[in-house]
N, C-alpha and C. Protein backbone atom coordinates (compact mmCIF):
# COMPACT_ATOMS: atom_id res chain seq x y z
N MET A 1 -15.68 58.12 16.18
CA MET A 1 -15.28 57.48 17.42
C MET A 1 -15.80 56.04 17.43
N LEU A 2 -15.01 55.16 17.95
CA LEU A 2 -15.30 53.74 17.98
C LEU A 2 -16.37 53.44 19.04
N ASN A 3 -17.44 52.78 18.62
CA ASN A 3 -18.51 52.40 19.53
C ASN A 3 -18.21 50.98 20.03
N LEU A 4 -17.69 50.88 21.23
CA LEU A 4 -17.27 49.59 21.77
C LEU A 4 -18.42 48.62 21.98
N LYS A 5 -19.61 49.13 22.26
CA LYS A 5 -20.78 48.25 22.42
C LYS A 5 -21.07 47.53 21.10
N ASN A 6 -21.00 48.28 19.99
CA ASN A 6 -21.22 47.67 18.68
C ASN A 6 -20.12 46.68 18.34
N VAL A 7 -18.88 47.04 18.63
CA VAL A 7 -17.75 46.14 18.37
C VAL A 7 -17.92 44.86 19.17
N GLU A 8 -18.25 45.01 20.44
CA GLU A 8 -18.43 43.84 21.30
C GLU A 8 -19.56 42.95 20.79
N ALA A 9 -20.67 43.55 20.39
CA ALA A 9 -21.81 42.78 19.88
C ALA A 9 -21.42 42.02 18.61
N LYS A 10 -20.70 42.68 17.72
CA LYS A 10 -20.28 42.03 16.48
C LYS A 10 -19.30 40.89 16.76
N LEU A 11 -18.37 41.12 17.69
CA LEU A 11 -17.42 40.08 18.04
C LEU A 11 -18.12 38.87 18.65
N ARG A 12 -19.07 39.13 19.53
CA ARG A 12 -19.81 38.02 20.15
C ARG A 12 -20.64 37.25 19.11
N ALA A 13 -21.26 37.97 18.19
CA ALA A 13 -22.04 37.32 17.14
C ALA A 13 -21.14 36.47 16.25
N ARG A 14 -19.97 37.01 15.91
CA ARG A 14 -19.02 36.26 15.08
C ARG A 14 -18.55 35.01 15.82
N MET A 15 -18.32 35.13 17.12
CA MET A 15 -17.86 33.99 17.90
C MET A 15 -18.93 32.89 17.94
N VAL A 16 -20.19 33.28 18.07
CA VAL A 16 -21.28 32.31 18.06
C VAL A 16 -21.34 31.61 16.70
N ASP A 17 -21.23 32.38 15.63
CA ASP A 17 -21.25 31.82 14.28
C ASP A 17 -20.09 30.84 14.08
N LEU A 18 -18.91 31.26 14.48
CA LEU A 18 -17.74 30.38 14.35
C LEU A 18 -17.89 29.12 15.19
N GLY A 19 -18.43 29.26 16.39
CA GLY A 19 -18.64 28.11 17.26
C GLY A 19 -19.56 27.09 16.61
N ALA A 20 -20.62 27.58 15.97
CA ALA A 20 -21.55 26.68 15.28
C ALA A 20 -20.85 25.98 14.12
N ARG A 21 -20.03 26.72 13.39
CA ARG A 21 -19.30 26.14 12.26
C ARG A 21 -18.31 25.08 12.73
N VAL A 22 -17.59 25.38 13.79
CA VAL A 22 -16.62 24.42 14.33
C VAL A 22 -17.34 23.17 14.82
N ASP A 23 -18.48 23.34 15.47
CA ASP A 23 -19.26 22.18 15.93
C ASP A 23 -19.69 21.32 14.75
N GLN A 24 -20.13 21.97 13.66
CA GLN A 24 -20.56 21.22 12.47
C GLN A 24 -19.38 20.48 11.85
N ILE A 25 -18.23 21.12 11.81
CA ILE A 25 -17.03 20.47 11.27
C ILE A 25 -16.67 19.26 12.11
N GLU A 26 -16.74 19.40 13.43
CA GLU A 26 -16.43 18.28 14.31
C GLU A 26 -17.39 17.12 14.07
N GLN A 27 -18.65 17.43 13.86
CA GLN A 27 -19.63 16.37 13.56
C GLN A 27 -19.30 15.70 12.23
N ASP A 28 -18.95 16.50 11.23
CA ASP A 28 -18.61 15.95 9.92
C ASP A 28 -17.38 15.05 10.01
N LEU A 29 -16.40 15.46 10.83
CA LEU A 29 -15.19 14.66 10.96
C LEU A 29 -15.44 13.33 11.67
N ARG A 30 -16.49 13.26 12.47
CA ARG A 30 -16.83 12.02 13.18
C ARG A 30 -17.57 11.02 12.30
N GLU A 31 -18.03 11.46 11.14
CA GLU A 31 -18.76 10.57 10.24
C GLU A 31 -17.85 9.43 9.80
N PRO A 32 -18.37 8.20 9.77
CA PRO A 32 -17.55 7.07 9.32
C PRO A 32 -17.23 7.19 7.83
N HIS A 33 -16.06 6.68 7.48
CA HIS A 33 -15.62 6.72 6.09
C HIS A 33 -16.18 5.53 5.32
N SER A 34 -16.23 5.69 4.03
CA SER A 34 -16.69 4.64 3.14
C SER A 34 -15.73 3.46 3.17
N GLN A 35 -16.23 2.29 2.89
CA GLN A 35 -15.40 1.09 2.82
C GLN A 35 -14.67 1.01 1.48
N ASP A 36 -15.18 1.74 0.49
CA ASP A 36 -14.54 1.77 -0.83
C ASP A 36 -13.23 2.53 -0.74
N TRP A 37 -12.14 1.93 -1.22
CA TRP A 37 -10.81 2.52 -1.08
C TRP A 37 -10.72 3.89 -1.73
N GLY A 38 -11.24 4.03 -2.96
CA GLY A 38 -11.20 5.32 -3.65
C GLY A 38 -11.98 6.39 -2.93
N GLU A 39 -13.18 6.04 -2.49
CA GLU A 39 -14.01 6.98 -1.72
C GLU A 39 -13.34 7.37 -0.42
N ASN A 40 -12.72 6.39 0.22
CA ASN A 40 -12.05 6.63 1.50
C ASN A 40 -10.92 7.64 1.32
N ALA A 41 -10.17 7.51 0.23
CA ALA A 41 -9.07 8.44 -0.02
C ALA A 41 -9.61 9.86 -0.22
N THR A 42 -10.69 9.98 -0.97
CA THR A 42 -11.29 11.29 -1.20
C THR A 42 -11.82 11.88 0.11
N GLU A 43 -12.45 11.05 0.91
CA GLU A 43 -12.98 11.52 2.19
C GLU A 43 -11.85 11.95 3.12
N SER A 44 -10.73 11.25 3.08
CA SER A 44 -9.58 11.62 3.92
C SER A 44 -9.03 12.98 3.51
N GLU A 45 -8.98 13.25 2.21
CA GLU A 45 -8.53 14.56 1.74
C GLU A 45 -9.50 15.65 2.22
N GLY A 46 -10.79 15.34 2.14
CA GLY A 46 -11.79 16.29 2.64
C GLY A 46 -11.63 16.55 4.12
N ASP A 47 -11.30 15.50 4.86
CA ASP A 47 -11.09 15.66 6.30
C ASP A 47 -9.92 16.60 6.59
N GLN A 48 -8.88 16.53 5.79
CA GLN A 48 -7.73 17.42 5.99
C GLN A 48 -8.14 18.87 5.79
N VAL A 49 -8.96 19.11 4.79
CA VAL A 49 -9.46 20.47 4.56
C VAL A 49 -10.31 20.92 5.74
N LEU A 50 -11.21 20.04 6.19
CA LEU A 50 -12.07 20.38 7.32
C LEU A 50 -11.25 20.65 8.58
N GLU A 51 -10.21 19.87 8.81
CA GLU A 51 -9.36 20.10 9.98
C GLU A 51 -8.68 21.46 9.90
N GLY A 52 -8.26 21.87 8.71
CA GLY A 52 -7.68 23.20 8.54
C GLY A 52 -8.68 24.30 8.82
N LEU A 53 -9.90 24.12 8.33
CA LEU A 53 -10.95 25.10 8.60
C LEU A 53 -11.30 25.16 10.08
N GLU A 54 -11.32 24.00 10.72
CA GLU A 54 -11.60 23.95 12.15
C GLU A 54 -10.52 24.70 12.93
N GLU A 55 -9.27 24.45 12.58
CA GLU A 55 -8.16 25.12 13.27
C GLU A 55 -8.22 26.62 13.08
N ALA A 56 -8.52 27.06 11.85
CA ALA A 56 -8.64 28.50 11.59
C ALA A 56 -9.78 29.10 12.39
N GLY A 57 -10.90 28.38 12.46
CA GLY A 57 -12.04 28.86 13.24
C GLY A 57 -11.72 28.98 14.72
N LEU A 58 -11.03 27.97 15.25
CA LEU A 58 -10.66 28.00 16.67
C LEU A 58 -9.66 29.12 16.95
N ASP A 59 -8.74 29.36 16.02
CA ASP A 59 -7.79 30.47 16.18
C ASP A 59 -8.52 31.80 16.23
N GLU A 60 -9.50 31.97 15.32
CA GLU A 60 -10.25 33.22 15.30
C GLU A 60 -11.07 33.39 16.58
N ILE A 61 -11.65 32.30 17.07
CA ILE A 61 -12.39 32.37 18.34
C ILE A 61 -11.48 32.82 19.47
N ASN A 62 -10.27 32.29 19.52
CA ASN A 62 -9.30 32.71 20.55
C ASN A 62 -8.95 34.17 20.40
N ASN A 63 -8.77 34.64 19.16
CA ASN A 63 -8.48 36.06 18.93
C ASN A 63 -9.63 36.94 19.38
N ILE A 64 -10.84 36.49 19.11
CA ILE A 64 -12.03 37.26 19.52
C ILE A 64 -12.13 37.31 21.04
N ARG A 65 -11.89 36.18 21.70
CA ARG A 65 -11.92 36.18 23.17
C ARG A 65 -10.89 37.15 23.73
N ALA A 66 -9.72 37.20 23.13
CA ALA A 66 -8.68 38.12 23.59
C ALA A 66 -9.13 39.57 23.37
N ALA A 67 -9.78 39.84 22.25
CA ALA A 67 -10.27 41.19 21.98
C ALA A 67 -11.35 41.58 22.98
N LEU A 68 -12.24 40.65 23.30
CA LEU A 68 -13.28 40.93 24.30
C LEU A 68 -12.67 41.20 25.67
N THR A 69 -11.60 40.50 26.00
CA THR A 69 -10.90 40.76 27.25
C THR A 69 -10.29 42.16 27.24
N ARG A 70 -9.72 42.57 26.09
CA ARG A 70 -9.16 43.91 25.99
C ARG A 70 -10.25 44.98 26.13
N ILE A 71 -11.43 44.70 25.58
CA ILE A 71 -12.54 45.65 25.73
C ILE A 71 -12.89 45.77 27.21
N GLU A 72 -12.97 44.63 27.87
CA GLU A 72 -13.29 44.60 29.30
C GLU A 72 -12.26 45.38 30.12
N LYS A 73 -10.99 45.22 29.76
CA LYS A 73 -9.90 45.88 30.50
C LYS A 73 -9.63 47.30 30.01
N GLU A 74 -10.43 47.74 29.05
CA GLU A 74 -10.31 49.08 28.48
C GLU A 74 -8.96 49.32 27.80
N THR A 75 -8.41 48.27 27.20
CA THR A 75 -7.17 48.41 26.43
C THR A 75 -7.40 48.09 24.95
N TYR A 76 -8.66 47.89 24.57
CA TYR A 76 -8.98 47.60 23.18
C TYR A 76 -8.64 48.81 22.31
N GLY A 77 -8.00 48.55 21.18
CA GLY A 77 -7.67 49.62 20.26
C GLY A 77 -6.34 50.29 20.55
N VAL A 78 -5.62 49.79 21.54
CA VAL A 78 -4.30 50.33 21.87
C VAL A 78 -3.26 49.34 21.37
N CYS A 79 -2.31 49.82 20.58
CA CYS A 79 -1.28 48.97 19.99
C CYS A 79 -0.41 48.36 21.08
N SER A 80 -0.24 47.05 21.01
CA SER A 80 0.61 46.37 21.99
C SER A 80 2.09 46.61 21.72
N GLY A 81 2.41 47.13 20.54
CA GLY A 81 3.80 47.40 20.20
C GLY A 81 4.27 48.77 20.66
N CYS A 82 3.52 49.80 20.26
CA CYS A 82 3.98 51.17 20.54
C CYS A 82 3.11 51.92 21.54
N GLY A 83 1.94 51.38 21.84
CA GLY A 83 1.05 52.04 22.81
C GLY A 83 0.16 53.11 22.21
N GLU A 84 0.28 53.35 20.90
CA GLU A 84 -0.58 54.34 20.24
C GLU A 84 -1.92 53.70 19.91
N ASP A 85 -2.89 54.55 19.56
CA ASP A 85 -4.20 54.03 19.17
C ASP A 85 -4.11 53.32 17.82
N ILE A 86 -4.81 52.20 17.71
CA ILE A 86 -4.92 51.50 16.43
C ILE A 86 -6.00 52.23 15.64
N PRO A 87 -5.71 52.59 14.38
CA PRO A 87 -6.72 53.32 13.59
C PRO A 87 -8.04 52.53 13.47
N GLU A 88 -9.15 53.27 13.49
CA GLU A 88 -10.47 52.64 13.42
C GLU A 88 -10.64 51.80 12.16
N GLY A 89 -10.05 52.24 11.06
CA GLY A 89 -10.14 51.48 9.82
C GLY A 89 -9.52 50.11 9.95
N ARG A 90 -8.41 50.03 10.64
CA ARG A 90 -7.76 48.73 10.85
C ARG A 90 -8.63 47.85 11.74
N LEU A 91 -9.19 48.44 12.79
CA LEU A 91 -10.05 47.67 13.69
C LEU A 91 -11.34 47.24 13.00
N ALA A 92 -11.83 48.05 12.06
CA ALA A 92 -13.02 47.67 11.31
C ALA A 92 -12.72 46.46 10.42
N ALA A 93 -11.52 46.44 9.84
CA ALA A 93 -11.13 45.33 8.97
C ALA A 93 -10.74 44.09 9.76
N LEU A 94 -10.07 44.31 10.88
CA LEU A 94 -9.58 43.20 11.70
C LEU A 94 -9.88 43.55 13.16
N PRO A 95 -11.10 43.27 13.62
CA PRO A 95 -11.54 43.75 14.94
C PRO A 95 -10.73 43.23 16.12
N TYR A 96 -9.94 42.20 15.91
CA TYR A 96 -9.12 41.69 17.01
C TYR A 96 -7.65 42.02 16.83
N ALA A 97 -7.37 43.04 16.01
CA ALA A 97 -5.99 43.48 15.81
C ALA A 97 -5.39 43.95 17.14
N THR A 98 -4.13 43.59 17.36
CA THR A 98 -3.45 44.00 18.59
C THR A 98 -2.37 45.05 18.32
N THR A 99 -2.11 45.30 17.04
CA THR A 99 -1.05 46.25 16.69
C THR A 99 -1.54 47.22 15.62
N CYS A 100 -0.91 48.38 15.58
CA CYS A 100 -1.17 49.33 14.51
C CYS A 100 -0.47 48.80 13.25
N VAL A 101 -0.72 49.45 12.13
CA VAL A 101 -0.14 49.00 10.86
C VAL A 101 1.38 49.05 10.92
N ASN A 102 1.94 50.12 11.46
CA ASN A 102 3.40 50.26 11.51
C ASN A 102 4.04 49.13 12.32
N CYS A 103 3.48 48.80 13.45
CA CYS A 103 4.06 47.74 14.28
C CYS A 103 3.80 46.36 13.68
N ALA A 104 2.72 46.22 12.93
CA ALA A 104 2.42 44.94 12.31
C ALA A 104 3.40 44.63 11.18
N GLU A 105 3.94 45.68 10.57
CA GLU A 105 4.91 45.47 9.48
C GLU A 105 6.23 45.10 10.06
């Protein structure tokens, strides 16, 4: 049986970790670029990677917030597609899953 207190604690811990990572990325993106043209080009490429990581982190934070809301509303683990329970294995792998495997396909 799924222990929602443990799930909630893990989701909150993950959200804190992601928040710290996103904050660090934002700080890194604010760093001034080198005046050297070659270095500047390399730094710009790095910024694109960081922006992608930041976006992925923010998306995951939003997914976690939605999962925490579902826990609060007692709808966590219920497939939004068919209304059946989402298997615990799927929730263990993807704790903010909103659909069962069949509906996800």
